[in-house]
């Protein structure tokens, strides 16, 4: 499997554009890909030795098939993981496939189809992670989720965006921003490894129980 190369200049240009326009979501993915280095391959190796990860790769399971089933999600019991996710996406006017266009993950981007499946699953579960952690989609919430995600994936691009975002937010919100980021990072360290979680099987369970099971406060 060919190792993904670091592209610092690509990351610098994308980060500069992102600082100028924090809503430019495609630039987030540009930074993450440019500085990801071996983090995806390392994550894939860990993913494929889990029972569920191996099943995802063997059967090419696409979580969007589940998350795009809005009628199923809307019918889940109130207080369930799936219902909480459904209402979060309704409130924020989000579609499960919304990050697909923003990230533009294509087969030729990666050296192996298993990397594509692993990378797209990480991307497509982003709003499930929002739901589980309780972090909002405001700038601080996104920065905290990035800190949490860095603890889980060790992607340097994610770390850089979180730190740069933290410094920008600190100017308006004070030093408490970095306390929040450190707490989010620690929470990510203590949580179960979310990339290998069979989220599809947990959607009908109470979200409080799922958080306890996954060690998310």
C-alpha atoms as a PDB file:
ATOM      1  CA  UNK A   1       0.000   0.000   0.000  1.00  0.00           C
ATOM      2  CA  UNK A   2       1.492   3.305  -1.100  1.00  0.00           C
ATOM      3  CA  UNK A   3       2.067   5.731   1.762  1.00  0.00           C
ATOM      4  CA  UNK A   4       0.286   9.091   1.586  1.00  0.00           C
ATOM      5  CA  UNK A   5       2.803  11.928   1.243  1.00  0.00           C
ATOM      6  CA  UNK A   6       2.704  15.094   3.334  1.00  0.00           C
ATOM      7  CA  UNK A   7       2.034  18.257   1.303  1.00  0.00           C
ATOM      8  CA  UNK A   8       2.856  21.205   3.584  1.00  0.00           C
ATOM      9  CA  UNK A   9       2.496  23.906   0.910  1.00  0.00           C
ATOM     10  CA  UNK A  10      -0.923  22.631  -0.087  1.00  0.00           C
ATOM     11  CA  UNK A  11      -1.882  22.668   3.590  1.00  0.00           C
ATOM     12  CA  UNK A  12      -0.533  26.207   4.077  1.00  0.00           C
ATOM     13  CA  UNK A  13      -2.553  27.603   1.162  1.00  0.00           C
ATOM     14  CA  UNK A  14      -5.709  25.823   2.274  1.00  0.00           C
ATOM     15  CA  UNK A  15      -5.261  26.926   5.895  1.00  0.00           C
ATOM     16  CA  UNK A  16      -4.746  30.539   4.825  1.00  0.00           C
ATOM     17  CA  UNK A  17      -7.992  30.413   2.850  1.00  0.00           C
ATOM     18  CA  UNK A  18      -9.760  28.736   5.769  1.00  0.00           C
ATOM     19  CA  UNK A  19      -8.670  31.445   8.222  1.00  0.00           C
ATOM     20  CA  UNK A  20     -10.065  34.041   5.817  1.00  0.00           C
ATOM     21  CA  UNK A  21     -13.328  32.104   5.469  1.00  0.00           C
ATOM     22  CA  UNK A  22     -14.030  29.575   8.259  1.00  0.00           C
ATOM     23  CA  UNK A  23     -17.135  28.381   6.374  1.00  0.00           C
ATOM     24  CA  UNK A  24     -15.038  27.093   3.452  1.00  0.00           C
ATOM     25  CA  UNK A  25     -15.481  23.435   4.380  1.00  0.00           C
ATOM     26  CA  UNK A  26     -13.592  22.001   1.365  1.00  0.00           C
ATOM     27  CA  UNK A  27     -10.440  23.715   2.649  1.00  0.00           C
ATOM     28  CA  UNK A  28     -10.765  21.782   5.918  1.00  0.00           C
ATOM     29  CA  UNK A  29     -10.504  18.536   3.985  1.00  0.00           C
ATOM     30  CA  UNK A  30      -7.627  19.910   1.909  1.00  0.00           C
ATOM     31  CA  UNK A  31      -5.618  20.539   5.101  1.00  0.00           C
ATOM     32  CA  UNK A  32      -6.534  17.162   6.565  1.00  0.00           C
ATOM     33  CA  UNK A  33      -5.476  15.305   3.421  1.00  0.00           C
ATOM     34  CA  UNK A  34      -2.316  17.351   2.927  1.00  0.00           C
ATOM     35  CA  UNK A  35      -1.009  16.753   6.455  1.00  0.00           C
ATOM     36  CA  UNK A  36      -2.552  13.367   7.146  1.00  0.00           C
ATOM     37  CA  UNK A  37       0.656  11.532   6.315  1.00  0.00           C
ATOM     38  CA  UNK A  38       0.541   7.944   7.626  1.00  0.00           C
ATOM     39  CA  UNK A  39      -2.448   8.551   9.918  1.00  0.00           C
ATOM     40  CA  UNK A  40      -4.967   7.026   7.494  1.00  0.00           C
ATOM     41  CA  UNK A  41      -2.867   3.930   6.830  1.00  0.00           C
ATOM     42  CA  UNK A  42      -2.252   3.547  10.559  1.00  0.00           C
ATOM     43  CA  UNK A  43      -5.967   3.890  11.260  1.00  0.00           C
ATOM     44  CA  UNK A  44      -6.841   1.437   8.500  1.00  0.00           C
ATOM     45  CA  UNK A  45      -4.496  -1.173   9.952  1.00  0.00           C
ATOM     46  CA  UNK A  46      -6.208  -0.799  13.321  1.00  0.00           C
ATOM     47  CA  UNK A  47      -9.656  -0.781  11.688  1.00  0.00           C
ATOM     48  CA  UNK A  48      -9.189  -3.939   9.640  1.00  0.00           C
ATOM     49  CA  UNK A  49      -8.182  -6.108  12.623  1.00  0.00           C
ATOM     50  CA  UNK A  50     -11.487  -5.406  14.379  1.00  0.00           C
ATOM     51  CA  UNK A  51     -14.414  -7.701  13.605  1.00  0.00           C
ATOM     52  CA  UNK A  52     -16.642  -4.877  12.418  1.00  0.00           C
ATOM     53  CA  UNK A  53     -13.905  -3.069  10.515  1.00  0.00           C
ATOM     54  CA  UNK A  54     -13.053  -6.256   8.652  1.00  0.00           C
ATOM     55  CA  UNK A  55     -16.744  -6.697   7.814  1.00  0.00           C
ATOM     56  CA  UNK A  56     -17.006  -3.127   6.494  1.00  0.00           C
ATOM     57  CA  UNK A  57     -14.017  -3.659   4.210  1.00  0.00           C
ATOM     58  CA  UNK A  58     -15.029  -7.145   3.092  1.00  0.00           C
ATOM     59  CA  UNK A  59     -18.636  -6.195   2.278  1.00  0.00           C
ATOM     60  CA  UNK A  60     -17.910  -2.556   1.314  1.00  0.00           C
ATOM     61  CA  UNK A  61     -20.528  -1.319   3.799  1.00  0.00           C
ATOM     62  CA  UNK A  62     -21.501   2.314   3.227  1.00  0.00           C
ATOM     63  CA  UNK A  63     -22.960   4.011   6.296  1.00  0.00           C
ATOM     64  CA  UNK A  64     -24.683   6.562   4.064  1.00  0.00           C
ATOM     65  CA  UNK A  65     -27.130   3.813   3.112  1.00  0.00           C
ATOM     66  CA  UNK A  66     -28.337   3.994   6.717  1.00  0.00           C
ATOM     67  CA  UNK A  67     -27.968   7.715   7.396  1.00  0.00           C
ATOM     68  CA  UNK A  68     -29.881   8.682   4.257  1.00  0.00           C
ATOM     69  CA  UNK A  69     -32.894   6.664   5.409  1.00  0.00           C
ATOM     70  CA  UNK A  70     -34.636   9.635   6.974  1.00  0.00           C
ATOM     71  CA  UNK A  71     -37.963   7.872   7.506  1.00  0.00           C
ATOM     72  CA  UNK A  72     -36.255   5.132   9.518  1.00  0.00           C
ATOM     73  CA  UNK A  73     -34.302   7.634  11.623  1.00  0.00           C
ATOM     74  CA  UNK A  74     -37.370   9.784  12.226  1.00  0.00           C
ATOM     75  CA  UNK A  75     -39.319   6.785  13.496  1.00  0.00           C
ATOM     76  CA  UNK A  76     -36.772   5.839  16.167  1.00  0.00           C
ATOM     77  CA  UNK A  77     -37.739   6.377  19.832  1.00  0.00           C
ATOM     78  CA  UNK A  78     -37.222   9.820  21.340  1.00  0.00           C
ATOM     79  CA  UNK A  79     -33.969   9.929  23.257  1.00  0.00           C
ATOM     80  CA  UNK A  80     -32.360   7.269  21.122  1.00  0.00           C
ATOM     81  CA  UNK A  81     -29.015   7.841  19.451  1.00  0.00           C
ATOM     82  CA  UNK A  82     -30.592   7.779  16.002  1.00  0.00           C
ATOM     83  CA  UNK A  83     -33.436  10.102  16.946  1.00  0.00           C
ATOM     84  CA  UNK A  84     -31.022  12.576  18.540  1.00  0.00           C
ATOM     85  CA  UNK A  85     -28.899  12.490  15.385  1.00  0.00           C
ATOM     86  CA  UNK A  86     -31.987  12.922  13.208  1.00  0.00           C
ATOM     87  CA  UNK A  87     -33.192  15.983  15.144  1.00  0.00           C
ATOM     88  CA  UNK A  88     -29.670  17.439  15.186  1.00  0.00           C
ATOM     89  CA  UNK A  89     -29.460  17.235  11.404  1.00  0.00           C
ATOM     90  CA  UNK A  90     -32.990  18.616  11.022  1.00  0.00           C
ATOM     91  CA  UNK A  91     -32.227  21.558  13.306  1.00  0.00           C
ATOM     92  CA  UNK A  92     -28.950  22.304  11.538  1.00  0.00           C
ATOM     93  CA  UNK A  93     -30.416  21.686   8.065  1.00  0.00           C
ATOM     94  CA  UNK A  94     -27.842  18.993   7.315  1.00  0.00           C
ATOM     95  CA  UNK A  95     -27.960  16.112   4.868  1.00  0.00           C
ATOM     96  CA  UNK A  96     -26.006  12.914   5.471  1.00  0.00           C
ATOM     97  CA  UNK A  97     -24.365  13.297   2.080  1.00  0.00           C
ATOM     98  CA  UNK A  98     -23.530  16.962   2.659  1.00  0.00           C
ATOM     99  CA  UNK A  99     -19.854  16.351   3.419  1.00  0.00           C
ATOM    100  CA  UNK A 100     -19.413  14.200   0.315  1.00  0.00           C
ATOM    101  CA  UNK A 101     -19.357  17.190  -2.027  1.00  0.00           C
ATOM    102  CA  UNK A 102     -17.270  19.251   0.394  1.00  0.00           C
ATOM    103  CA  UNK A 103     -14.541  16.644   0.781  1.00  0.00           C
ATOM    104  CA  UNK A 104     -14.465  15.395  -2.807  1.00  0.00           C
ATOM    105  CA  UNK A 105     -12.945  12.076  -1.720  1.00  0.00           C
ATOM    106  CA  UNK A 106     -12.380  10.192  -4.959  1.00  0.00           C
ATOM    107  CA  UNK A 107     -10.997   6.717  -5.549  1.00  0.00           C
ATOM    108  CA  UNK A 108      -7.855   8.063  -7.217  1.00  0.00           C
ATOM    109  CA  UNK A 109      -7.037  10.159  -4.137  1.00  0.00           C
ATOM    110  CA  UNK A 110      -5.908   7.018  -2.306  1.00  0.00           C
ATOM    111  CA  UNK A 111      -3.738   4.067  -3.200  1.00  0.00           C
ATOM    112  CA  UNK A 112      -6.112   1.303  -2.101  1.00  0.00           C
ATOM    113  CA  UNK A 113      -9.918   0.842  -2.114  1.00  0.00           C
ATOM    114  CA  UNK A 114      -9.850  -0.048   1.583  1.00  0.00           C
ATOM    115  CA  UNK A 115      -8.382   3.391   2.294  1.00  0.00           C
ATOM    116  CA  UNK A 116     -11.273   4.933   0.379  1.00  0.00           C
ATOM    117  CA  UNK A 117     -13.839   3.034   2.437  1.00  0.00           C
ATOM    118  CA  UNK A 118     -12.114   3.847   5.729  1.00  0.00           C
ATOM    119  CA  UNK A 119     -11.664   7.538   4.845  1.00  0.00           C
ATOM    120  CA  UNK A 120     -15.234   7.963   3.657  1.00  0.00           C
ATOM    121  CA  UNK A 121     -16.607   6.276   6.770  1.00  0.00           C
ATOM    122  CA  UNK A 122     -14.647   8.732   8.925  1.00  0.00           C
ATOM    123  CA  UNK A 123     -16.033  11.595   6.871  1.00  0.00           C
ATOM    124  CA  UNK A 124     -19.627  10.378   6.811  1.00  0.00           C
ATOM    125  CA  UNK A 125     -19.823   9.769  10.570  1.00  0.00           C
ATOM    126  CA  UNK A 126     -18.733  13.337  11.429  1.00  0.00           C
ATOM    127  CA  UNK A 127     -22.229  14.401  12.475  1.00  0.00           C
ATOM    128  CA  UNK A 128     -22.689  11.206  14.489  1.00  0.00           C
ATOM    129  CA  UNK A 129     -19.594  12.284  16.434  1.00  0.00           C
ATOM    130  CA  UNK A 130     -21.199  15.714  16.903  1.00  0.00           C
ATOM    131  CA  UNK A 131     -24.280  13.981  18.283  1.00  0.00           C
ATOM    132  CA  UNK A 132     -22.356  11.738  20.661  1.00  0.00           C
ATOM    133  CA  UNK A 133     -20.038  14.417  22.036  1.00  0.00           C
ATOM    134  CA  UNK A 134     -22.657  17.156  22.231  1.00  0.00           C
ATOM    135  CA  UNK A 135     -20.358  19.665  20.533  1.00  0.00           C
ATOM    136  CA  UNK A 136     -22.304  22.174  18.458  1.00  0.00           C
ATOM    137  CA  UNK A 137     -21.614  23.423  14.950  1.00  0.00           C
ATOM    138  CA  UNK A 138     -20.539  26.866  16.137  1.00  0.00           C
ATOM    139  CA  UNK A 139     -16.826  27.647  15.776  1.00  0.00           C
ATOM    140  CA  UNK A 140     -15.957  26.560  19.324  1.00  0.00           C
ATOM    141  CA  UNK A 141     -17.963  23.362  18.986  1.00  0.00           C
ATOM    142  CA  UNK A 142     -16.247  22.482  15.724  1.00  0.00           C
ATOM    143  CA  UNK A 143     -12.822  23.247  17.220  1.00  0.00           C
ATOM    144  CA  UNK A 144     -13.583  21.006  20.208  1.00  0.00           C
ATOM    145  CA  UNK A 145     -14.717  18.194  17.936  1.00  0.00           C
ATOM    146  CA  UNK A 146     -11.486  18.565  15.968  1.00  0.00           C
ATOM    147  CA  UNK A 147      -9.474  18.263  19.196  1.00  0.00           C
ATOM    148  CA  UNK A 148     -11.489  15.165  20.115  1.00  0.00           C
ATOM    149  CA  UNK A 149     -10.981  13.773  16.601  1.00  0.00           C
ATOM    150  CA  UNK A 150      -7.235  14.406  16.702  1.00  0.00           C
ATOM    151  CA  UNK A 151      -7.028  12.319  19.873  1.00  0.00           C
ATOM    152  CA  UNK A 152      -8.759   9.506  17.994  1.00  0.00           C
ATOM    153  CA  UNK A 153      -6.979   9.720  14.626  1.00  0.00           C
ATOM    154  CA  UNK A 154      -3.638  11.496  15.225  1.00  0.00           C
ATOM    155  CA  UNK A 155      -4.055  13.393  11.950  1.00  0.00           C
ATOM    156  CA  UNK A 156      -1.752  16.427  12.089  1.00  0.00           C
ATOM    157  CA  UNK A 157      -3.977  18.402   9.766  1.00  0.00           C
ATOM    158  CA  UNK A 158      -6.839  18.105  12.234  1.00  0.00           C
ATOM    159  CA  UNK A 159      -4.520  19.180  15.052  1.00  0.00           C
ATOM    160  CA  UNK A 160      -3.347  22.240  13.109  1.00  0.00           C
ATOM    161  CA  UNK A 161      -6.880  23.399  12.283  1.00  0.00           C
ATOM    162  CA  UNK A 162      -7.930  22.988  15.926  1.00  0.00           C
ATOM    163  CA  UNK A 163      -4.948  24.991  17.217  1.00  0.00           C
ATOM    164  CA  UNK A 164      -5.275  27.791  14.656  1.00  0.00           C
ATOM    165  CA  UNK A 165      -9.002  27.940  15.325  1.00  0.00           C
ATOM    166  CA  UNK A 166      -8.306  28.041  19.046  1.00  0.00           C
ATOM    167  CA  UNK A 167      -6.005  31.050  18.744  1.00  0.00           C
ATOM    168  CA  UNK A 168      -8.554  32.855  16.602  1.00  0.00           C
ATOM    169  CA  UNK A 169     -11.381  32.124  19.053  1.00  0.00           C
ATOM    170  CA  UNK A 170      -9.215  33.080  22.038  1.00  0.00           C
ATOM    171  CA  UNK A 171      -9.119  36.674  20.812  1.00  0.00           C
ATOM    172  CA  UNK A 172     -12.889  36.908  21.182  1.00  0.00           C
ATOM    173  CA  UNK A 173     -13.610  34.420  23.962  1.00  0.00           C
ATOM    174  CA  UNK A 174     -10.553  34.422  26.217  1.00  0.00           C
ATOM    175  CA  UNK A 175      -8.263  31.676  27.568  1.00  0.00           C
ATOM    176  CA  UNK A 176     -11.169  29.369  28.351  1.00  0.00           C
ATOM    177  CA  UNK A 177     -11.068  28.308  24.704  1.00  0.00           C
ATOM    178  CA  UNK A 178      -7.885  26.307  25.188  1.00  0.00           C
ATOM    179  CA  UNK A 179      -9.201  24.741  28.383  1.00  0.00           C
ATOM    180  CA  UNK A 180     -12.163  23.528  26.342  1.00  0.00           C
ATOM    181  CA  UNK A 181      -9.872  22.164  23.620  1.00  0.00           C
ATOM    182  CA  UNK A 182      -7.688  20.328  26.135  1.00  0.00           C
ATOM    183  CA  UNK A 183     -10.783  18.831  27.752  1.00  0.00           C
ATOM    184  CA  UNK A 184     -12.060  17.720  24.337  1.00  0.00           C
ATOM    185  CA  UNK A 185      -8.701  16.138  23.532  1.00  0.00           C
ATOM    186  CA  UNK A 186      -8.693  14.270  26.848  1.00  0.00           C
ATOM    187  CA  UNK A 187     -12.251  13.096  26.249  1.00  0.00           C
ATOM    188  CA  UNK A 188     -11.166  11.777  22.851  1.00  0.00           C
ATOM    189  CA  UNK A 189      -8.277   9.915  24.459  1.00  0.00           C
ATOM    190  CA  UNK A 190     -10.484   8.194  27.025  1.00  0.00           C
ATOM    191  CA  UNK A 191     -13.317   7.342  24.634  1.00  0.00           C
ATOM    192  CA  UNK A 192     -13.629   4.070  22.777  1.00  0.00           C
ATOM    193  CA  UNK A 193     -12.073   4.137  19.312  1.00  0.00           C
ATOM    194  CA  UNK A 194     -15.021   5.466  17.325  1.00  0.00           C
ATOM    195  CA  UNK A 195     -13.864   4.609  13.770  1.00  0.00           C
ATOM    196  CA  UNK A 196     -14.443   0.906  14.484  1.00  0.00           C
ATOM    197  CA  UNK A 197     -17.807   1.308  16.221  1.00  0.00           C
ATOM    198  CA  UNK A 198     -20.822  -0.336  14.581  1.00  0.00           C
ATOM    199  CA  UNK A 199     -22.937   2.814  14.733  1.00  0.00           C
ATOM    200  CA  UNK A 200     -25.691   1.289  12.616  1.00  0.00           C
ATOM    201  CA  UNK A 201     -26.466  -1.207  15.392  1.00  0.00           C
ATOM    202  CA  UNK A 202     -26.627   1.484  18.101  1.00  0.00           C
ATOM    203  CA  UNK A 203     -29.096   3.920  16.552  1.00  0.00           C
ATOM    204  CA  UNK A 204     -32.127   2.541  18.398  1.00  0.00           C
ATOM    205  CA  UNK A 205     -30.403   2.563  21.798  1.00  0.00           C
ATOM    206  CA  UNK A 206     -30.748   5.417  24.304  1.00  0.00           C
ATOM    207  CA  UNK A 207     -28.076   7.994  23.610  1.00  0.00           C
ATOM    208  CA  UNK A 208     -27.176   8.130  27.304  1.00  0.00           C
ATOM    209  CA  UNK A 209     -26.467   4.393  27.221  1.00  0.00           C
ATOM    210  CA  UNK A 210     -24.428   4.704  24.025  1.00  0.00           C
ATOM    211  CA  UNK A 211     -22.317   7.493  25.529  1.00  0.00           C
ATOM    212  CA  UNK A 212     -21.685   5.374  28.614  1.00  0.00           C
ATOM    213  CA  UNK A 213     -20.786   2.359  26.485  1.00  0.00           C
ATOM    214  CA  UNK A 214     -18.342   4.439  24.419  1.00  0.00           C
ATOM    215  CA  UNK A 215     -16.912   6.271  27.459  1.00  0.00           C
ATOM    216  CA  UNK A 216     -18.021   9.701  26.229  1.00  0.00           C
ATOM    217  CA  UNK A 217     -18.987  12.092  29.055  1.00  0.00           C
END
